[in-house]
Protein backbone atom coordinates (compact mmCIF):
# COMPACT_ATOMS: atom_id res chain seq x y z
CA MET A 1 54.28 211.60 169.94
CA PRO A 2 52.48 209.34 167.44
CA LYS A 3 50.99 206.14 168.83
CA LYS A 4 53.15 203.07 168.17
CA SER A 5 53.65 199.56 169.46
CA LEU A 6 55.15 199.60 172.92
CA ILE A 7 57.64 196.92 171.95
CA THR A 8 59.12 199.28 169.30
CA PHE A 9 59.50 202.11 171.80
CA SER A 10 61.06 199.79 174.38
CA LEU A 11 63.49 198.41 171.82
CA ILE A 12 64.71 201.93 170.97
CA ALA A 13 65.28 202.61 174.65
CA LEU A 14 67.19 199.34 175.02
CA LEU A 15 69.46 200.08 172.05
CA ALA A 16 70.07 203.60 173.32
CA GLY A 17 71.15 202.17 176.66
CA CYS A 18 73.68 199.99 174.89
CA GLY A 19 75.45 202.86 173.09
CA GLY A 20 77.42 205.93 174.10
CA LYS A 21 79.85 206.06 177.01
CA THR A 22 80.82 202.74 178.58
CA SER A 23 78.93 202.32 181.84
CA ASP A 24 80.37 200.81 184.98
CA LYS A 25 76.97 199.29 185.79
CA PRO A 26 76.54 195.56 185.21
CA ALA A 27 74.73 194.32 182.10
CA GLU A 28 71.67 193.51 184.19
CA ALA A 29 71.04 197.23 184.57
CA LYS A 30 70.07 197.58 180.87
CA LEU A 31 66.44 198.47 180.27
CA PRO A 32 64.24 195.43 179.55
CA ILE A 33 61.93 195.30 176.52
CA LEU A 34 58.44 196.33 177.52
CA VAL A 35 55.72 194.19 175.90
CA ILE A 36 51.95 194.57 176.10
CA GLN A 37 49.55 191.68 175.66
CA GLU A 38 48.47 192.91 172.21
CA ASP A 39 52.03 192.37 170.99
CA LEU A 40 51.80 188.63 171.64
CA VAL A 41 50.13 185.63 170.01
CA ARG A 42 49.32 182.59 172.10
CA ILE A 43 49.89 179.28 170.36
CA SER A 44 46.74 177.19 170.58
CA PRO A 45 45.11 174.31 168.69
CA GLY A 46 43.10 175.26 165.63
CA ARG A 47 41.56 173.97 162.46
CA ILE A 48 44.02 173.27 159.64
CA ALA A 49 42.64 172.35 156.23
CA HIS A 50 44.69 170.26 153.81
CA GLY A 51 44.04 169.21 150.26
CA PRO A 52 45.09 169.46 146.61
CA ILE A 53 46.01 172.85 145.18
CA ILE A 54 43.60 174.16 142.56
CA SER A 55 44.39 176.98 140.12
CA GLY A 56 42.39 178.54 137.31
CA SER A 57 40.23 181.58 136.66
CA LEU A 58 36.80 183.03 137.35
CA GLN A 59 34.28 182.48 134.56
CA ALA A 60 30.57 183.04 134.12
CA LYS A 61 28.69 179.80 133.61
CA LYS A 62 26.00 181.74 131.76
CA GLN A 63 27.49 183.96 129.07
CA ALA A 64 26.74 184.72 125.44
CA ASP A 65 29.06 185.93 122.67
CA LEU A 66 26.76 187.91 120.40
CA ARG A 67 27.91 187.87 116.77
CA ALA A 68 26.60 189.41 113.55
CA GLU A 69 24.25 187.06 111.67
CA VAL A 70 24.07 189.37 108.65
CA SER A 71 26.60 191.59 106.87
CA ALA A 72 25.80 195.27 107.44
CA ILE A 73 27.08 198.58 108.78
CA VAL A 74 26.78 199.15 112.54
CA LEU A 75 24.41 202.09 112.98
CA GLN A 76 24.31 202.29 116.77
CA VAL A 77 25.65 200.51 119.86
CA PHE A 78 23.37 201.15 122.83
CA LYS A 79 25.36 199.56 125.68
CA ASP A 80 28.94 199.79 126.86
CA ASN A 81 31.18 197.63 129.06
CA GLY A 82 29.69 197.11 132.50
CA ASP A 83 26.19 198.30 131.61
CA LYS A 84 23.31 196.30 133.02
CA VAL A 85 20.85 194.79 130.56
CA GLN A 86 17.49 193.07 130.76
CA LYS A 87 16.35 190.20 128.59
CA GLY A 88 15.26 191.56 125.20
CA ASP A 89 17.02 194.94 125.50
CA LEU A 90 18.26 196.31 122.16
CA LEU A 91 22.07 196.31 122.22
CA VAL A 92 23.19 196.89 118.61
CA ARG A 93 21.35 198.10 115.51
CA LEU A 94 22.70 197.30 112.04
CA ASP A 95 21.77 199.00 108.77
CA ASP A 96 18.51 197.34 107.64
CA THR A 97 17.90 199.21 104.37
CA ALA A 98 18.67 196.30 102.01
CA PHE A 99 16.88 193.77 104.20
CA ARG A 100 13.76 195.91 104.50
CA GLN A 101 13.61 196.31 100.71
CA ALA A 102 14.04 192.56 100.26
CA LEU A 103 11.18 191.94 102.68
CA ASN A 104 8.90 194.40 100.88
CA SER A 105 9.66 192.71 97.55
CA ALA A 106 8.97 189.27 99.03
CA GLN A 107 5.66 190.47 100.47
CA GLU A 108 4.61 191.82 97.06
CA ALA A 109 5.52 188.51 95.45
CA GLU A 110 3.47 186.71 98.11
CA ARG A 111 0.42 188.85 97.38
CA ALA A 112 0.75 188.15 93.64
CA ALA A 113 1.10 184.44 94.31
CA GLN A 114 -1.99 184.57 96.52
CA GLN A 115 -4.02 186.18 93.72
CA SER A 116 -2.83 183.60 91.19
CA PHE A 117 -3.78 180.79 93.54
CA ASP A 118 -7.21 182.24 94.24
CA GLN A 119 -7.89 182.53 90.51
CA ALA A 120 -6.67 179.00 89.79
CA GLU A 121 -8.76 177.69 92.68
CA ARG A 122 -11.95 179.33 91.37
CA GLN A 123 -11.34 178.04 87.85
CA PHE A 124 -10.73 174.52 89.06
CA ASN A 125 -13.90 174.50 91.19
CA ARG A 126 -15.97 175.78 88.22
CA LEU A 127 -14.64 173.11 85.82
CA LYS A 128 -15.09 170.47 88.47
CA THR A 129 -18.80 171.33 88.72
CA LEU A 130 -19.23 171.34 84.92
CA SER A 131 -17.44 168.00 84.54
CA VAL A 132 -20.16 166.33 86.62
CA SER A 133 -22.82 167.22 83.99
CA GLY A 134 -20.43 166.39 81.16
CA ALA A 135 -20.19 170.00 79.96
CA VAL A 136 -16.37 169.87 79.99
CA SER A 137 -13.95 167.08 79.42
CA THR A 138 -12.06 165.29 82.17
CA GLN A 139 -8.79 166.51 80.63
CA ALA A 140 -9.83 170.15 81.03
CA LYS A 141 -10.67 169.54 84.68
CA GLU A 142 -7.30 167.86 85.30
CA ASP A 143 -5.43 170.73 83.60
CA ALA A 144 -7.22 173.20 85.88
CA GLU A 145 -6.34 171.09 88.91
CA LEU A 146 -2.66 171.06 87.84
CA ARG A 147 -2.65 174.85 87.49
CA ARG A 148 -4.28 175.17 90.93
CA ASN A 149 -1.63 172.92 92.52
CA THR A 150 1.21 174.82 90.84
CA ALA A 151 -0.18 178.14 92.07
CA GLN A 152 -0.46 176.67 95.55
CA SER A 153 3.22 175.65 95.49
CA ASP A 154 4.23 179.11 94.25
CA LEU A 155 2.27 180.66 97.12
CA ALA A 156 4.00 178.45 99.68
CA ALA A 157 7.42 179.34 98.24
CA ALA A 158 6.59 183.05 98.31
CA HIS A 159 5.48 182.78 101.96
CA THR A 160 8.75 181.02 102.82
CA ARG A 161 10.73 183.87 101.25
CA VAL A 162 8.76 186.38 103.31
CA VAL A 163 9.56 184.49 106.52
CA GLN A 164 13.25 184.27 105.62
CA ASP A 165 13.53 187.94 104.75
CA ALA A 166 11.68 188.88 107.94
CA GLN A 167 14.20 186.84 109.92
CA GLN A 168 17.11 188.58 108.16
CA LEU A 169 15.56 191.94 108.97
CA ALA A 170 15.12 190.96 112.61
CA ARG A 171 18.81 190.01 112.77
CA THR A 172 19.78 193.62 112.21
CA GLU A 173 18.66 194.24 115.81
CA VAL A 174 20.86 192.43 118.34
CA ARG A 175 19.10 191.94 121.67
CA ALA A 176 20.13 190.63 125.09
CA PRO A 177 19.35 186.90 125.42
CA PHE A 178 19.10 187.17 129.22
CA ALA A 179 19.49 189.67 132.05
CA GLY A 180 23.06 190.48 133.04
CA ILE A 181 25.84 192.92 132.21
CA VAL A 182 27.87 193.72 129.11
CA GLY A 183 31.21 192.03 129.59
CA LYS A 184 32.96 193.18 126.42
CA ARG A 185 32.07 195.57 123.64
CA GLU A 186 33.70 194.69 120.32
CA VAL A 187 32.26 197.24 117.82
CA SER A 188 31.52 200.93 117.45
CA ASN A 189 29.18 202.99 115.31
CA GLY A 190 30.17 202.86 111.64
CA ASP A 191 32.02 199.54 111.78
CA THR A 192 31.37 196.98 109.05
CA ALA A 193 30.02 193.81 110.60
CA GLN A 194 30.59 190.69 108.53
CA ILE A 195 28.73 187.49 109.33
CA GLY A 196 30.30 185.99 112.45
CA LYS A 197 31.95 189.19 113.70
CA ALA A 198 31.90 189.53 117.49
CA LEU A 199 29.69 192.39 118.66
CA LEU A 200 29.17 192.13 122.41
CA LYS A 201 29.56 189.65 125.24
CA VAL A 202 26.79 189.43 127.84
CA ILE A 203 27.38 187.63 131.13
CA ASP A 204 25.21 186.76 134.10
CA PRO A 205 27.18 187.72 137.27
CA ALA A 206 24.97 185.45 139.36
CA SER A 207 26.39 182.45 137.48
CA MET A 208 30.03 183.24 138.33
CA ARG A 209 32.13 180.19 139.18
CA PHE A 210 35.77 179.19 139.66
CA GLU A 211 37.00 177.00 136.81
CA GLY A 212 40.24 175.43 138.01
CA PHE A 213 42.54 172.49 137.46
CA VAL A 214 43.85 169.87 139.85
CA PRO A 215 46.90 167.63 139.21
CA ALA A 216 45.84 164.23 137.91
CA ASP A 217 47.68 162.38 140.70
CA GLN A 218 45.53 164.17 143.31
CA ILE A 219 42.14 163.97 141.63
CA ARG A 220 41.13 160.96 143.76
CA GLU A 221 41.02 163.31 146.76
CA VAL A 222 38.52 165.61 145.03
CA HIS A 223 34.77 165.02 145.21
CA VAL A 224 31.62 166.95 144.36
CA GLY A 225 30.41 169.00 147.34
CA GLN A 226 33.83 169.61 148.91
CA LEU A 227 34.64 173.10 150.18
CA VAL A 228 37.25 175.12 148.28
CA ASN A 229 39.06 178.21 149.61
CA PHE A 230 40.83 180.41 147.09
CA TYR A 231 42.43 183.80 146.56
CA ILE A 232 42.21 186.19 143.60
CA ASN A 233 45.32 187.29 141.68
CA GLY A 234 47.71 186.26 144.44
CA SER A 235 46.12 188.55 147.03
CA ARG A 236 46.18 186.95 150.48
CA GLU A 237 44.04 189.58 152.17
CA HIS A 238 40.69 187.93 151.58
CA ALA A 239 39.78 184.30 150.89
CA PHE A 240 36.70 183.27 148.94
CA GLU A 241 34.73 180.08 149.37
CA GLY A 242 32.91 177.75 147.06
CA ARG A 243 31.89 174.13 146.65
CA ILE A 244 32.79 171.73 143.88
CA GLU A 245 29.81 171.25 141.56
CA GLY A 246 31.46 169.26 138.79
CA ILE A 247 34.61 167.36 137.84
CA SER A 248 35.64 166.89 134.22
CA PRO A 249 35.82 163.24 133.16
CA VAL A 250 38.65 164.04 130.71
CA ALA A 251 42.10 165.42 131.55
CA ASP A 252 43.49 168.39 129.63
CA ALA A 253 45.47 167.13 126.64
CA THR A 254 48.31 169.62 127.20
CA THR A 255 48.74 169.91 130.97
CA ARG A 256 47.31 166.50 131.91
CA GLN A 257 45.38 168.18 134.70
CA VAL A 258 41.71 167.63 135.46
CA GLY A 259 39.18 170.45 135.28
CA VAL A 260 37.08 171.23 138.35
CA HIS A 261 34.09 173.62 138.51
CA VAL A 262 33.51 175.41 141.81
CA ALA A 263 30.21 177.18 142.53
CA LEU A 264 30.76 180.37 144.54
CA GLU A 265 28.95 180.85 147.81
CA GLY A 266 27.33 184.29 147.89
CA ASN A 267 27.57 187.23 145.50
CA GLU A 268 31.11 188.55 145.80
CA ASN A 269 30.95 190.97 142.85
CA LEU A 270 33.95 189.27 141.27
CA THR A 271 35.34 189.95 137.81
CA VAL A 272 35.36 187.41 135.00
CA GLY A 273 38.79 186.28 133.86
CA LEU A 274 40.74 186.94 137.07
CA PHE A 275 43.33 184.31 137.97
CA ALA A 276 42.57 182.41 141.17
CA GLU A 277 44.42 179.85 143.26
CA GLY A 278 43.41 177.90 146.32
CA ARG A 279 43.09 174.52 147.97
CA VAL A 280 40.42 171.85 148.12
CA GLN A 281 39.55 170.97 151.71
CA SER A 282 39.86 167.22 151.38
CA ASP A 283 41.27 166.79 154.90
CA VAL A 284 40.65 168.97 157.96
CA LYS A 285 42.61 168.37 161.18
CA GLN A 286 43.18 170.03 164.53
CA GLY A 287 46.69 171.25 165.24
CA LEU A 288 48.89 174.13 166.31
CA SER A 289 49.15 177.01 163.89
CA ILE A 290 50.91 180.33 163.56
CA PRO A 291 49.94 183.54 161.72
CA GLU A 292 52.09 184.48 158.75
CA SER A 293 52.80 187.91 160.27
CA SER A 294 54.79 186.32 163.12
CA LEU A 295 57.21 184.48 160.83
CA VAL A 296 60.76 185.56 160.13
CA GLN A 297 62.06 183.86 156.99
CA GLN A 298 65.81 183.44 156.51
CA GLY A 299 66.47 181.40 153.40
CA ASP A 300 64.90 177.97 153.85
CA HIS A 301 64.58 178.45 157.62
CA ALA A 302 61.66 179.90 159.55
CA PHE A 303 61.95 181.57 162.96
CA VAL A 304 59.73 183.23 165.55
CA TRP A 305 60.46 185.37 168.60
CA ARG A 306 59.16 183.60 171.71
CA VAL A 307 58.63 185.25 175.07
CA GLN A 308 59.13 182.73 177.89
CA ASN A 309 59.92 183.28 181.57
CA GLY A 310 60.64 186.96 180.94
CA VAL A 311 63.18 186.29 178.19
CA LEU A 312 62.97 186.91 174.43
CA ASN A 313 64.37 184.06 172.32
CA LYS A 314 64.68 183.46 168.59
CA VAL A 315 63.30 179.96 167.93
CA GLU A 316 63.53 178.00 164.70
CA ILE A 317 60.35 176.12 163.79
CA MET A 318 59.26 173.60 161.19
CA LEU A 319 56.22 174.63 159.21
CA GLY A 320 53.52 172.41 157.79
CA GLN A 321 50.92 173.23 155.17
CA ARG A 322 49.21 176.59 154.94
CA ASP A 323 45.51 176.98 155.61
CA VAL A 324 44.26 178.84 152.55
CA LYS A 325 41.32 180.44 154.34
CA SER A 326 43.04 181.85 157.45
CA GLY A 327 46.53 182.16 155.98
CA ASP A 328 47.99 180.46 159.08
CA TYR A 329 50.70 177.81 158.86
CA ALA A 330 50.63 174.49 160.68
CA ILE A 331 53.49 174.00 163.17
CA ASN A 332 55.27 170.66 162.93
CA SER A 333 57.87 171.37 165.62
CA GLY A 334 59.57 174.14 167.59
CA LEU A 335 56.63 175.47 169.62
CA ALA A 336 54.19 174.05 172.14
CA GLU A 337 50.64 174.87 173.08
CA GLY A 338 50.56 177.89 175.38
CA ASP A 339 53.75 179.49 174.06
CA HIS A 340 53.67 183.23 173.39
CA ILE A 341 55.35 184.77 170.35
CA ILE A 342 55.73 188.31 169.01
CA ARG A 343 52.82 189.11 166.71
CA HIS A 344 54.70 191.50 164.37
CA PRO A 345 58.46 191.14 164.89
CA ARG A 346 60.16 194.35 163.70
CA GLY A 347 63.50 196.00 164.23
CA ALA A 348 66.70 194.55 165.66
CA LEU A 349 65.28 192.25 168.32
CA ILE A 350 67.95 190.79 170.61
CA ASP A 351 68.05 187.11 171.39
CA GLY A 352 68.11 186.61 175.15
CA ALA A 353 66.89 190.12 176.01
CA LYS A 354 64.85 190.59 179.17
CA VAL A 355 61.12 191.23 178.72
CA THR A 356 58.71 192.99 181.03
CA MET A 357 54.97 192.60 180.53
CA GLU A 358 53.02 195.82 180.90
CA LYS A 359 49.34 196.61 180.94
CA VAL A 360 48.03 199.01 178.29
CA ALA A 361 47.21 201.75 180.80
CA SER A 362 50.60 201.44 182.51
CA ALA A 363 52.39 201.45 179.19
CA SER A 364 50.60 204.65 178.16
CA THR A 365 51.63 206.31 181.45
CA THR A 366 55.26 205.28 180.96
CA THR A 367 55.28 206.70 177.45
CA ASN A 368 53.82 210.03 178.59
CA LYS A 369 56.44 210.35 181.33
CA LYS A 370 59.24 209.85 178.81
CA GLU A 371 57.69 212.44 176.53
CA GLY A 372 57.70 214.93 179.39
């Protein structure tokens, strides 16, 4: 038969003994529930962390929204969502035909302006030499100097146009500003990109952090350097850790909560934008705790099944705060250190039923005999 918890098998046997034809044997003759040590949890002191609840989302501290700086047709997109990039990698190429023609025209104008300046410079130098011997008038020399200065200004303006057109041409190639991954692709080949249109988002996974909010009335308990434990998207299976690296000096105008930035410890390969919730460890104490799997919730009441002196009892307990890292709950009352409770209470457990502790080997032998 398939392997199962011994307590489940024993419970079936107990219920079977209770049904069918009425027996003349006393109630004490009913089969006890057989329990192995692995079915039990021993209540012992442990570390319970308390502190303000923090909720928010995962964001990359280092991210860049790449937008079109010129209006042009998208010729080619080289990277897709999730692709790794290195600094300087070409990500998007826009149509550069008009910008290349503008640059060529500006370069031709610069060459013409250079020739005009060179000619004006030679003429001015010649008249300057002749004016020393009195061969030309001072007015002629000054007119030549004015023409030289004007040509020089025209040359500077032409050079500026060349630089500007070269920059516009360069903007038709969108490159990665740093190493990372493509977080979001916004365009495809053939799209018309107007100035300011979003093209791609590049993020640095190594800069991932938890950007959360803490209620304003609890912000005094929060300090830079404190440990934070949190879960992703409500999943309680795995807790992440981080430390507070910054606290916003201004509360959010809408929620009146205070922003807190948490640096993650280690590379967890997390995803930007996921919702996260956790607790700041502002106070850590020692106390009794209980795993969530042992709890039986009935409305606003919490119970556990305790094994004591060979008897199974349903015991109501008062729970304290939950440790966000371990998932255990603090016990305020109802249990004492050294008590043993059922680890995974399942089925119709009977309050007051007799319990027999069995070793694993013995339990396996008993099961095999019943199978035979």
